[in-house]
Amino acid sequence: MADTTITVTFTEAQWTRIVAASSYIKGPSGSGNVDADFFKTMWKENLTTQVKSYEKEQASIADF
């Protein structure tokens, strides 16, 4: 299977609001404004964690 690309589009007004919320989105340990690379990394890490949790749950059911 080839790599899958997901595209997310925001209006200029939406992106302005997202950037304005950067410190809230990044939390106390983050600095600077959010950008596309920030979301790419964050979403990939979140999905990786969710898939691993799902697979662990499935394995534990099989081991019952």
Protein backbone atom coordinates (compact mmCIF):
# COMPACT_ATOMS: atom_id res chain seq x y z
CA MET A 1 0.00 0.00 0.00
CA ALA A 2 1.31 3.44 -0.88
CA ASP A 3 1.63 6.26 1.64
CA THR A 4 -1.56 8.16 2.33
CA THR A 5 -1.69 11.95 2.34
CA ILE A 6 -4.36 13.84 4.25
CA THR A 7 -5.02 17.48 3.46
CA VAL A 8 -6.75 19.83 5.87
CA THR A 9 -7.80 23.28 4.69
CA PHE A 10 -8.66 26.28 6.86
CA THR A 11 -9.95 29.65 5.73
CA GLU A 12 -7.67 32.60 6.38
CA ALA A 13 -9.97 33.68 9.23
CA GLN A 14 -9.88 30.21 10.80
CA TRP A 15 -6.08 30.03 10.55
CA THR A 16 -5.76 33.47 12.14
CA ARG A 17 -7.83 32.25 15.08
CA ILE A 18 -5.80 29.03 15.34
CA VAL A 19 -2.50 30.93 15.37
CA ALA A 20 -3.90 33.35 17.96
CA ALA A 21 -4.60 30.32 20.17
CA SER A 22 -1.04 28.95 19.77
CA SER A 23 -0.06 29.27 23.43
CA TYR A 24 -3.27 27.49 24.47
CA ILE A 25 -2.80 24.72 21.90
CA LYS A 26 0.89 24.18 22.71
CA GLY A 27 0.42 24.45 26.44
CA PRO A 28 2.85 25.81 29.00
CA SER A 29 5.85 23.92 27.62
CA GLY A 30 5.40 25.19 24.05
CA SER A 31 6.65 28.40 22.56
CA GLY A 32 6.04 30.28 19.34
CA ASN A 33 3.13 29.98 16.95
CA VAL A 34 1.65 26.75 15.68
CA ASP A 35 2.22 25.90 12.05
CA ALA A 36 1.49 23.05 9.63
CA ASP A 37 4.56 21.08 10.77
CA PHE A 38 3.43 21.35 14.40
CA PHE A 39 0.01 19.86 13.55
CA LYS A 40 1.54 17.20 11.29
CA THR A 41 3.75 16.01 14.13
CA MET A 42 1.04 16.29 16.79
CA TRP A 43 -1.58 14.43 14.77
CA LYS A 44 0.86 11.70 13.72
CA GLU A 45 1.96 11.17 17.35
CA ASN A 46 -1.66 11.11 18.56
CA LEU A 47 -2.69 8.59 15.91
CA THR A 48 0.34 6.42 16.65
CA THR A 49 -0.59 6.34 20.34
CA GLN A 50 -4.22 5.52 19.57
CA VAL A 51 -3.33 2.69 17.17
CA LYS A 52 -0.85 1.19 19.65
CA SER A 53 -3.48 1.35 22.41
CA TYR A 54 -6.01 -0.32 20.14
CA GLU A 55 -3.57 -3.08 19.19
CA LYS A 56 -2.61 -3.65 22.82
CA GLU A 57 -6.29 -3.91 23.76
CA GLN A 58 -6.92 -6.40 20.95
CA ALA A 59 -3.94 -8.52 22.02
CA SER A 60 -5.09 -8.62 25.62
CA ILE A 61 -8.54 -9.83 24.54
CA ALA A 62 -6.99 -12.67 22.56
CA ASP A 63 -4.88 -13.65 25.58
CA PHE A 64 -7.94 -13.98 27.85
